[in-house]
Amino acid sequence: MHHTPVRRGRPKGTGIDDSDRIARLDELLRVHPELRPTTAIRLMGFSNPSAIRRLRDKYKVFTTKTRIELTTELRGAAPTATRPSEQTPQAMQPGR
């Protein structure tokens, strides 16, 4: 008889969709960059430590993912510099 092993501890993730809250938190932190994420979450009206921790952790994942996407876009969209040897002779002449 085959059965799945018993998992110990708390399950990962709550399944709660916090995308709108994370977007509001991100906007609040952009407007007030001097705030820390936990302080901003409290200003949004959350007082439950579990909710604050959940939002803070999800925001950390959100910012990490956003930074990775931005660096990937910047690397892919970076213009290539032309070397002087690739320039046309007319472009190299002064006064034209």
PDB file of N, CA and C in Angstrom:
ATOM      1  N   MET A   1       0.830  -1.157   0.000  1.00  0.00           N
ATOM      2  CA  MET A   1       0.000   0.000   0.000  1.00  0.00           C
ATOM      3  C   MET A   1       0.889   1.240   0.000  1.00  0.00           C
ATOM      4  N   HIS A   2       0.620   2.134  -0.932  1.00  0.00           N
ATOM      5  CA  HIS A   2       1.424   3.340  -1.107  1.00  0.00           C
ATOM      6  C   HIS A   2       0.645   4.554  -0.598  1.00  0.00           C
ATOM      7  N   HIS A   3       1.266   5.343   0.244  1.00  0.00           N
ATOM      8  CA  HIS A   3       0.598   6.546   0.735  1.00  0.00           C
ATOM      9  C   HIS A   3       1.590   7.705   0.768  1.00  0.00           C
ATOM     10  N   THR A   4       1.064   8.892   0.789  1.00  0.00           N
ATOM     11  CA  THR A   4       1.919  10.079   0.803  1.00  0.00           C
ATOM     12  C   THR A   4       2.454  10.309   2.206  1.00  0.00           C
ATOM     13  N   PRO A   5       3.676  10.814   2.291  1.00  0.00           N
ATOM     14  CA  PRO A   5       4.241  11.049   3.623  1.00  0.00           C
ATOM     15  C   PRO A   5       3.509  12.187   4.341  1.00  0.00           C
ATOM     16  N   VAL A   6       3.480  12.114   5.642  1.00  0.00           N
ATOM     17  CA  VAL A   6       2.830  13.136   6.453  1.00  0.00           C
ATOM     18  C   VAL A   6       3.729  14.362   6.480  1.00  0.00           C
ATOM     19  N   ARG A   7       3.153  15.511   6.169  1.00  0.00           N
ATOM     20  CA  ARG A   7       3.920  16.751   6.190  1.00  0.00           C
ATOM     21  C   ARG A   7       3.761  17.405   7.546  1.00  0.00           C
ATOM     22  N   ARG A   8       4.862  17.942   8.036  1.00  0.00           N
ATOM     23  CA  ARG A   8       4.827  18.576   9.340  1.00  0.00           C
ATOM     24  C   ARG A   8       4.866  20.086   9.201  1.00  0.00           C
ATOM     25  N   GLY A   9       4.341  20.764  10.192  1.00  0.00           N
ATOM     26  CA  GLY A   9       4.406  22.214  10.215  1.00  0.00           C
ATOM     27  C   GLY A   9       3.258  22.867   9.476  1.00  0.00           C
ATOM     28  N   ARG A  10       3.394  24.175   9.337  1.00  0.00           N
ATOM     29  CA  ARG A  10       2.346  24.960   8.685  1.00  0.00           C
ATOM     30  C   ARG A  10       2.464  24.842   7.174  1.00  0.00           C
ATOM     31  N   PRO A  11       1.353  24.825   6.477  1.00  0.00           N
ATOM     32  CA  PRO A  11       1.423  24.769   5.005  1.00  0.00           C
ATOM     33  C   PRO A  11       1.953  26.080   4.443  1.00  0.00           C
ATOM     34  N   LYS A  12       2.614  26.009   3.306  1.00  0.00           N
ATOM     35  CA  LYS A  12       3.159  27.196   2.644  1.00  0.00           C
ATOM     36  C   LYS A  12       2.054  27.925   1.912  1.00  0.00           C
ATOM     37  N   GLY A  13       2.007  29.234   2.087  1.00  0.00           N
ATOM     38  CA  GLY A  13       1.048  30.058   1.362  1.00  0.00           C
ATOM     39  C   GLY A  13      -0.351  29.999   1.949  1.00  0.00           C
ATOM     40  N   THR A  14      -1.054  31.109   1.798  1.00  0.00           N
ATOM     41  CA  THR A  14      -2.402  31.181   2.335  1.00  0.00           C
ATOM     42  C   THR A  14      -3.452  31.052   1.251  1.00  0.00           C
ATOM     43  N   GLY A  15      -3.075  31.312   0.017  1.00  0.00           N
ATOM     44  CA  GLY A  15      -4.034  31.288  -1.077  1.00  0.00           C
ATOM     45  C   GLY A  15      -4.821  32.582  -1.191  1.00  0.00           C
ATOM     46  N   ILE A  16      -4.497  33.566  -0.353  1.00  0.00           N
ATOM     47  CA  ILE A  16      -5.192  34.854  -0.380  1.00  0.00           C
ATOM     48  C   ILE A  16      -4.597  35.708  -1.491  1.00  0.00           C
ATOM     49  N   ASP A  17      -5.459  36.286  -2.331  1.00  0.00           N
ATOM     50  CA  ASP A  17      -4.986  37.145  -3.419  1.00  0.00           C
ATOM     51  C   ASP A  17      -4.783  38.558  -2.871  1.00  0.00           C
ATOM     52  N   ASP A  18      -3.531  38.945  -2.711  1.00  0.00           N
ATOM     53  CA  ASP A  18      -3.182  40.262  -2.175  1.00  0.00           C
ATOM     54  C   ASP A  18      -2.640  41.192  -3.251  1.00  0.00           C
ATOM     55  N   SER A  19      -2.896  40.922  -4.507  1.00  0.00           N
ATOM     56  CA  SER A  19      -2.293  41.718  -5.570  1.00  0.00           C
ATOM     57  C   SER A  19      -2.706  43.189  -5.501  1.00  0.00           C
ATOM     58  N   ASP A  20      -3.976  43.464  -5.176  1.00  0.00           N
ATOM     59  CA  ASP A  20      -4.401  44.863  -5.075  1.00  0.00           C
ATOM     60  C   ASP A  20      -3.759  45.556  -3.882  1.00  0.00           C
ATOM     61  N   ARG A  21      -3.604  44.836  -2.771  1.00  0.00           N
ATOM     62  CA  ARG A  21      -2.952  45.411  -1.587  1.00  0.00           C
ATOM     63  C   ARG A  21      -1.469  45.661  -1.849  1.00  0.00           C
ATOM     64  N   ILE A  22      -0.821  44.738  -2.548  1.00  0.00           N
ATOM     65  CA  ILE A  22       0.592  44.904  -2.873  1.00  0.00           C
ATOM     66  C   ILE A  22       0.772  46.088  -3.815  1.00  0.00           C
ATOM     67  N   ALA A  23      -0.140  46.265  -4.759  1.00  0.00           N
ATOM     68  CA  ALA A  23      -0.062  47.409  -5.674  1.00  0.00           C
ATOM     69  C   ALA A  23      -0.231  48.722  -4.916  1.00  0.00           C
ATOM     70  N   ARG A  24      -1.186  48.762  -3.961  1.00  0.00           N
ATOM     71  CA  ARG A  24      -1.353  49.973  -3.143  1.00  0.00           C
ATOM     72  C   ARG A  24      -0.127  50.233  -2.289  1.00  0.00           C
ATOM     73  N   LEU A  25       0.448  49.171  -1.726  1.00  0.00           N
ATOM     74  CA  LEU A  25       1.654  49.300  -0.905  1.00  0.00           C
ATOM     75  C   LEU A  25       2.814  49.824  -1.741  1.00  0.00           C
ATOM     76  N   ASP A  26       2.968  49.302  -2.942  1.00  0.00           N
ATOM     77  CA  ASP A  26       4.034  49.748  -3.832  1.00  0.00           C
ATOM     78  C   ASP A  26       3.872  51.226  -4.172  1.00  0.00           C
ATOM     79  N   GLU A  27       2.653  51.641  -4.462  1.00  0.00           N
ATOM     80  CA  GLU A  27       2.394  53.051  -4.778  1.00  0.00           C
ATOM     81  C   GLU A  27       2.669  53.943  -3.568  1.00  0.00           C
ATOM     82  N   LEU A  28       2.269  53.498  -2.392  1.00  0.00           N
ATOM     83  CA  LEU A  28       2.515  54.264  -1.166  1.00  0.00           C
ATOM     84  C   LEU A  28       4.010  54.426  -0.913  1.00  0.00           C
ATOM     85  N   LEU A  29       4.771  53.372  -1.156  1.00  0.00           N
ATOM     86  CA  LEU A  29       6.221  53.443  -0.942  1.00  0.00           C
ATOM     87  C   LEU A  29       6.913  54.273  -2.019  1.00  0.00           C
ATOM     88  N   ARG A  30       6.335  54.353  -3.210  1.00  0.00           N
ATOM     89  CA  ARG A  30       6.906  55.221  -4.242  1.00  0.00           C
ATOM     90  C   ARG A  30       6.667  56.683  -3.910  1.00  0.00           C
ATOM     91  N   VAL A  31       5.485  56.988  -3.368  1.00  0.00           N
ATOM     92  CA  VAL A  31       5.150  58.363  -3.006  1.00  0.00           C
ATOM     93  C   VAL A  31       5.942  58.789  -1.768  1.00  0.00           C
ATOM     94  N   HIS A  32       6.097  57.882  -0.819  1.00  0.00           N
ATOM     95  CA  HIS A  32       6.815  58.166   0.434  1.00  0.00           C
ATOM     96  C   HIS A  32       7.988  57.185   0.585  1.00  0.00           C
ATOM     97  N   PRO A  33       9.106  57.424  -0.099  1.00  0.00           N
ATOM     98  CA  PRO A  33      10.219  56.473  -0.044  1.00  0.00           C
ATOM     99  C   PRO A  33      10.893  56.394   1.323  1.00  0.00           C
ATOM    100  N   GLU A  34      10.604  57.348   2.211  1.00  0.00           N
ATOM    101  CA  GLU A  34      11.211  57.306   3.537  1.00  0.00           C
ATOM    102  C   GLU A  34      10.568  56.254   4.434  1.00  0.00           C
ATOM    103  N   LEU A  35       9.388  55.752   4.060  1.00  0.00           N
ATOM    104  CA  LEU A  35       8.702  54.737   4.854  1.00  0.00           C
ATOM    105  C   LEU A  35       9.319  53.365   4.624  1.00  0.00           C
ATOM    106  N   ARG A  36       9.254  52.564   5.656  1.00  0.00           N
ATOM    107  CA  ARG A  36       9.642  51.165   5.523  1.00  0.00           C
ATOM    108  C   ARG A  36       8.384  50.364   5.223  1.00  0.00           C
ATOM    109  N   PRO A  37       8.509  49.187   4.617  1.00  0.00           N
ATOM    110  CA  PRO A  37       7.314  48.422   4.240  1.00  0.00           C
ATOM    111  C   PRO A  37       6.348  48.143   5.398  1.00  0.00           C
ATOM    112  N   THR A  38       6.872  47.773   6.566  1.00  0.00           N
ATOM    113  CA  THR A  38       5.996  47.467   7.691  1.00  0.00           C
ATOM    114  C   THR A  38       5.217  48.700   8.134  1.00  0.00           C
ATOM    115  N   THR A  39       5.880  49.845   8.173  1.00  0.00           N
ATOM    116  CA  THR A  39       5.214  51.082   8.553  1.00  0.00           C
ATOM    117  C   THR A  39       4.126  51.438   7.549  1.00  0.00           C
ATOM    118  N   ALA A  40       4.428  51.273   6.264  1.00  0.00           N
ATOM    119  CA  ALA A  40       3.448  51.571   5.223  1.00  0.00           C
ATOM    120  C   ALA A  40       2.241  50.641   5.327  1.00  0.00           C
ATOM    121  N   ILE A  41       2.465  49.385   5.640  1.00  0.00           N
ATOM    122  CA  ILE A  41       1.362  48.428   5.797  1.00  0.00           C
ATOM    123  C   ILE A  41       0.488  48.843   6.971  1.00  0.00           C
ATOM    124  N   ARG A  42       1.108  49.291   8.042  1.00  0.00           N
ATOM    125  CA  ARG A  42       0.320  49.756   9.194  1.00  0.00           C
ATOM    126  C   ARG A  42      -0.474  51.008   8.837  1.00  0.00           C
ATOM    127  N   LEU A  43       0.112  51.893   8.035  1.00  0.00           N
ATOM    128  CA  LEU A  43      -0.616  53.084   7.603  1.00  0.00           C
ATOM    129  C   LEU A  43      -1.814  52.731   6.716  1.00  0.00           C
ATOM    130  N   MET A  44      -1.724  51.604   6.029  1.00  0.00           N
ATOM    131  CA  MET A  44      -2.830  51.149   5.192  1.00  0.00           C
ATOM    132  C   MET A  44      -3.992  50.622   6.036  1.00  0.00           C
ATOM    133  N   GLY A  45      -3.762  50.436   7.338  1.00  0.00           N
ATOM    134  CA  GLY A  45      -4.840  50.019   8.225  1.00  0.00           C
ATOM    135  C   GLY A  45      -4.755  48.597   8.733  1.00  0.00           C
ATOM    136  N   PHE A  46      -3.686  47.902   8.482  1.00  0.00           N
ATOM    137  CA  PHE A  46      -3.530  46.529   8.961  1.00  0.00           C
ATOM    138  C   PHE A  46      -2.848  46.547  10.323  1.00  0.00           C
ATOM    139  N   SER A  47      -3.412  45.803  11.273  1.00  0.00           N
ATOM    140  CA  SER A  47      -2.814  45.740  12.606  1.00  0.00           C
ATOM    141  C   SER A  47      -2.514  44.310  13.039  1.00  0.00           C
ATOM    142  N   ASN A  48      -3.092  43.337  12.351  1.00  0.00           N
ATOM    143  CA  ASN A  48      -2.862  41.934  12.667  1.00  0.00           C
ATOM    144  C   ASN A  48      -1.428  41.562  12.271  1.00  0.00           C
ATOM    145  N   PRO A  49      -0.624  41.085  13.227  1.00  0.00           N
ATOM    146  CA  PRO A  49       0.775  40.741  12.913  1.00  0.00           C
ATOM    147  C   PRO A  49       0.916  39.713  11.788  1.00  0.00           C
ATOM    148  N   SER A  50      -0.016  38.776  11.704  1.00  0.00           N
ATOM    149  CA  SER A  50       0.053  37.768  10.642  1.00  0.00           C
ATOM    150  C   SER A  50      -0.177  38.401   9.274  1.00  0.00           C
ATOM    151  N   ALA A  51      -1.124  39.318   9.196  1.00  0.00           N
ATOM    152  CA  ALA A  51      -1.400  40.009   7.930  1.00  0.00           C
ATOM    153  C   ALA A  51      -0.232  40.895   7.535  1.00  0.00           C
ATOM    154  N   ILE A  52       0.347  41.577   8.506  1.00  0.00           N
ATOM    155  CA  ILE A  52       1.504  42.441   8.233  1.00  0.00           C
ATOM    156  C   ILE A  52       2.669  41.608   7.711  1.00  0.00           C
ATOM    157  N   ARG A  53       2.937  40.488   8.355  1.00  0.00           N
ATOM    158  CA  ARG A  53       4.029  39.604   7.933  1.00  0.00           C
ATOM    159  C   ARG A  53       3.764  39.048   6.537  1.00  0.00           C
ATOM    160  N   ARG A  54       2.516  38.622   6.288  1.00  0.00           N
ATOM    161  CA  ARG A  54       2.160  38.070   4.976  1.00  0.00           C
ATOM    162  C   ARG A  54       2.357  39.105   3.872  1.00  0.00           C
ATOM    163  N   LEU A  55       1.860  40.326   4.098  1.00  0.00           N
ATOM    164  CA  LEU A  55       2.000  41.371   3.088  1.00  0.00           C
ATOM    165  C   LEU A  55       3.456  41.777   2.905  1.00  0.00           C
ATOM    166  N   ARG A  56       4.198  41.869   3.988  1.00  0.00           N
ATOM    167  CA  ARG A  56       5.610  42.243   3.893  1.00  0.00           C
ATOM    168  C   ARG A  56       6.395  41.193   3.098  1.00  0.00           C
ATOM    169  N   ASP A  57       6.130  39.930   3.373  1.00  0.00           N
ATOM    170  CA  ASP A  57       6.828  38.863   2.645  1.00  0.00           C
ATOM    171  C   ASP A  57       6.440  38.844   1.170  1.00  0.00           C
ATOM    172  N   LYS A  58       5.159  39.035   0.874  1.00  0.00           N
ATOM    173  CA  LYS A  58       4.723  39.065  -0.522  1.00  0.00           C
ATOM    174  C   LYS A  58       5.286  40.287  -1.239  1.00  0.00           C
ATOM    175  N   TYR A  59       5.389  41.415  -0.534  1.00  0.00           N
ATOM    176  CA  TYR A  59       5.965  42.611  -1.147  1.00  0.00           C
ATOM    177  C   TYR A  59       7.448  42.399  -1.454  1.00  0.00           C
ATOM    178  N   LYS A  60       8.145  41.709  -0.576  1.00  0.00           N
ATOM    179  CA  LYS A  60       9.567  41.426  -0.804  1.00  0.00           C
ATOM    180  C   LYS A  60       9.745  40.568  -2.060  1.00  0.00           C
ATOM    181  N   VAL A  61       8.896  39.559  -2.222  1.00  0.00           N
ATOM    182  CA  VAL A  61       8.948  38.718  -3.423  1.00  0.00           C
ATOM    183  C   VAL A  61       8.610  39.545  -4.658  1.00  0.00           C
ATOM    184  N   PHE A  62       7.605  40.416  -4.534  1.00  0.00           N
ATOM    185  CA  PHE A  62       7.190  41.283  -5.635  1.00  0.00           C
ATOM    186  C   PHE A  62       8.336  42.186  -6.087  1.00  0.00           C
ATOM    187  N   THR A  63       9.032  42.821  -5.146  1.00  0.00           N
ATOM    188  CA  THR A  63      10.122  43.729  -5.517  1.00  0.00           C
ATOM    189  C   THR A  63      11.290  42.970  -6.128  1.00  0.00           C
ATOM    190  N   THR A  64      11.580  41.798  -5.606  1.00  0.00           N
ATOM    191  CA  THR A  64      12.668  40.994  -6.171  1.00  0.00           C
ATOM    192  C   THR A  64      12.341  40.588  -7.603  1.00  0.00           C
ATOM    193  N   LYS A  65      11.113  40.146  -7.820  1.00  0.00           N
ATOM    194  CA  LYS A  65      10.683  39.727  -9.155  1.00  0.00           C
ATOM    195  C   LYS A  65      10.694  40.916 -10.120  1.00  0.00           C
ATOM    196  N   THR A  66      10.262  42.077  -9.645  1.00  0.00           N
ATOM    197  CA  THR A  66      10.229  43.282 -10.474  1.00  0.00           C
ATOM    198  C   THR A  66      11.634  43.709 -10.865  1.00  0.00           C
ATOM    199  N   ARG A  67      12.562  43.656  -9.912  1.00  0.00           N
ATOM    200  CA  ARG A  67      13.958  44.019 -10.224  1.00  0.00           C
ATOM    201  C   ARG A  67      14.563  43.076 -11.250  1.00  0.00           C
ATOM    202  N   ILE A  68      14.278  41.797 -11.121  1.00  0.00           N
ATOM    203  CA  ILE A  68      14.802  40.821 -12.082  1.00  0.00           C
ATOM    204  C   ILE A  68      14.238  41.106 -13.468  1.00  0.00           C
ATOM    205  N   GLU A  69      12.937  41.400 -13.561  1.00  0.00           N
ATOM    206  CA  GLU A  69      12.322  41.691 -14.855  1.00  0.00           C
ATOM    207  C   GLU A  69      12.898  42.966 -15.460  1.00  0.00           C
ATOM    208  N   LEU A  70      13.125  43.992 -14.629  1.00  0.00           N
ATOM    209  CA  LEU A  70      13.677  45.245 -15.138  1.00  0.00           C
ATOM    210  C   LEU A  70      15.097  45.066 -15.654  1.00  0.00           C
ATOM    211  N   THR A  71      15.928  44.328 -14.922  1.00  0.00           N
ATOM    212  CA  THR A  71      17.295  44.124 -15.395  1.00  0.00           C
ATOM    213  C   THR A  71      17.313  43.286 -16.661  1.00  0.00           C
ATOM    214  N   THR A  72      16.407  42.334 -16.767  1.00  0.00           N
ATOM    215  CA  THR A  72      16.331  41.528 -17.985  1.00  0.00           C
ATOM    216  C   THR A  72      15.920  42.401 -19.160  1.00  0.00           C
ATOM    217  N   GLU A  73      14.936  43.282 -18.953  1.00  0.00           N
ATOM    218  CA  GLU A  73      14.507  44.179 -20.028  1.00  0.00           C
ATOM    219  C   GLU A  73      15.610  45.149 -20.416  1.00  0.00           C
ATOM    220  N   LEU A  74      16.307  45.686 -19.427  1.00  0.00           N
ATOM    221  CA  LEU A  74      17.367  46.643 -19.724  1.00  0.00           C
ATOM    222  C   LEU A  74      18.521  45.993 -20.478  1.00  0.00           C
ATOM    223  N   ARG A  75      18.846  44.783 -20.118  1.00  0.00           N
ATOM    224  CA  ARG A  75      19.929  44.086 -20.819  1.00  0.00           C
ATOM    225  C   ARG A  75      19.535  43.758 -22.250  1.00  0.00           C
ATOM    226  N   GLY A  76      18.291  43.379 -22.450  1.00  0.00           N
ATOM    227  CA  GLY A  76      17.819  43.022 -23.791  1.00  0.00           C
ATOM    228  C   GLY A  76      17.605  44.232 -24.678  1.00  0.00           C
ATOM    229  N   ALA A  77      17.272  45.386 -24.091  1.00  0.00           N
ATOM    230  CA  ALA A  77      16.956  46.579 -24.876  1.00  0.00           C
ATOM    231  C   ALA A  77      18.111  47.562 -24.953  1.00  0.00           C
ATOM    232  N   ALA A  78      19.271  47.195 -24.439  1.00  0.00           N
ATOM    233  CA  ALA A  78      20.403  48.110 -24.442  1.00  0.00           C
ATOM    234  C   ALA A  78      20.906  48.292 -25.877  1.00  0.00           C
ATOM    235  N   PRO A  79      21.066  49.554 -26.299  1.00  0.00           N
ATOM    236  CA  PRO A  79      21.564  49.774 -27.658  1.00  0.00           C
ATOM    237  C   PRO A  79      23.034  49.378 -27.750  1.00  0.00           C
ATOM    238  N   THR A  80      23.380  48.829 -28.881  1.00  0.00           N
ATOM    239  CA  THR A  80      24.768  48.428 -29.084  1.00  0.00           C
ATOM    240  C   THR A  80      25.553  49.611 -29.617  1.00  0.00           C
ATOM    241  N   ALA A  81      26.709  49.836 -29.057  1.00  0.00           N
ATOM    242  CA  ALA A  81      27.553  50.946 -29.499  1.00  0.00           C
ATOM    243  C   ALA A  81      28.327  50.523 -30.739  1.00  0.00           C
ATOM    244  N   THR A  82      28.431  51.418 -31.689  1.00  0.00           N
ATOM    245  CA  THR A  82      29.199  51.107 -32.898  1.00  0.00           C
ATOM    246  C   THR A  82      30.643  51.478 -32.661  1.00  0.00           C
ATOM    247  N   ARG A  83      31.491  50.648 -33.152  1.00  0.00           N
ATOM    248  CA  ARG A  83      32.917  50.924 -33.034  1.00  0.00           C
ATOM    249  C   ARG A  83      33.327  51.926 -34.103  1.00  0.00           C
ATOM    250  N   PRO A  84      34.382  52.724 -33.863  1.00  0.00           N
ATOM    251  CA  PRO A  84      34.819  53.707 -34.863  1.00  0.00           C
ATOM    252  C   PRO A  84      35.154  53.076 -36.211  1.00  0.00           C
ATOM    253  N   SER A  85      35.633  51.848 -36.223  1.00  0.00           N
ATOM    254  CA  SER A  85      35.990  51.202 -37.483  1.00  0.00           C
ATOM    255  C   SER A  85      34.756  50.877 -38.326  1.00  0.00           C
ATOM    256  N   GLU A  86      33.569  50.820 -37.676  1.00  0.00           N
ATOM    257  CA  GLU A  86      32.338  50.512 -38.402  1.00  0.00           C
ATOM    258  C   GLU A  86      31.669  51.753 -38.974  1.00  0.00           C
ATOM    259  N   GLN A  87      32.171  52.951 -38.661  1.00  0.00           N
ATOM    260  CA  GLN A  87      31.561  54.169 -39.163  1.00  0.00           C
ATOM    261  C   GLN A  87      31.932  54.374 -40.625  1.00  0.00           C
ATOM    262  N   THR A  88      31.046  55.047 -41.340  1.00  0.00           N
ATOM    263  CA  THR A  88      31.310  55.313 -42.749  1.00  0.00           C
ATOM    264  C   THR A  88      32.340  56.430 -42.873  1.00  0.00           C
ATOM    265  N   PRO A  89      33.127  56.471 -43.929  1.00  0.00           N
ATOM    266  CA  PRO A  89      34.145  57.520 -44.097  1.00  0.00           C
ATOM    267  C   PRO A  89      33.545  58.920 -44.125  1.00  0.00           C
ATOM    268  N   GLN A  90      32.317  59.080 -44.683  1.00  0.00           N
ATOM    269  CA  GLN A  90      31.697  60.399 -44.741  1.00  0.00           C
ATOM    270  C   GLN A  90      31.363  60.903 -43.341  1.00  0.00           C
ATOM    271  N   ALA A  91      30.949  60.015 -42.457  1.00  0.00           N
ATOM    272  CA  ALA A  91      30.594  60.420 -41.104  1.00  0.00           C
ATOM    273  C   ALA A  91      31.831  60.808 -40.308  1.00  0.00           C
ATOM    274  N   MET A  92      32.995  60.327 -40.719  1.00  0.00           N
ATOM    275  CA  MET A  92      34.214  60.616 -39.987  1.00  0.00           C
ATOM    276  C   MET A  92      34.849  61.946 -40.412  1.00  0.00           C
ATOM    277  N   GLN A  93      34.440  62.497 -41.537  1.00  0.00           N
ATOM    278  CA  GLN A  93      35.037  63.730 -42.008  1.00  0.00           C
ATOM    279  C   GLN A  93      34.450  64.907 -41.258  1.00  0.00           C
ATOM    280  N   PRO A  94      35.297  65.831 -40.782  1.00  0.00           N
ATOM    281  CA  PRO A  94      34.787  66.980 -40.054  1.00  0.00           C
ATOM    282  C   PRO A  94      34.099  67.964 -41.014  1.00  0.00           C
ATOM    283  N   GLY A  95      33.106  68.667 -40.517  1.00  0.00           N
ATOM    284  CA  GLY A  95      32.439  69.698 -41.300  1.00  0.00           C
ATOM    285  C   GLY A  95      31.274  69.202 -42.133  1.00  0.00           C
ATOM    286  N   ARG A  96      30.953  67.981 -42.148  1.00  0.00           N
ATOM    287  CA  ARG A  96      29.815  67.498 -42.916  1.00  0.00           C
ATOM    288  C   ARG A  96      28.678  67.156 -42.067  1.00  0.00           C
TER     289      ARG A  96
END
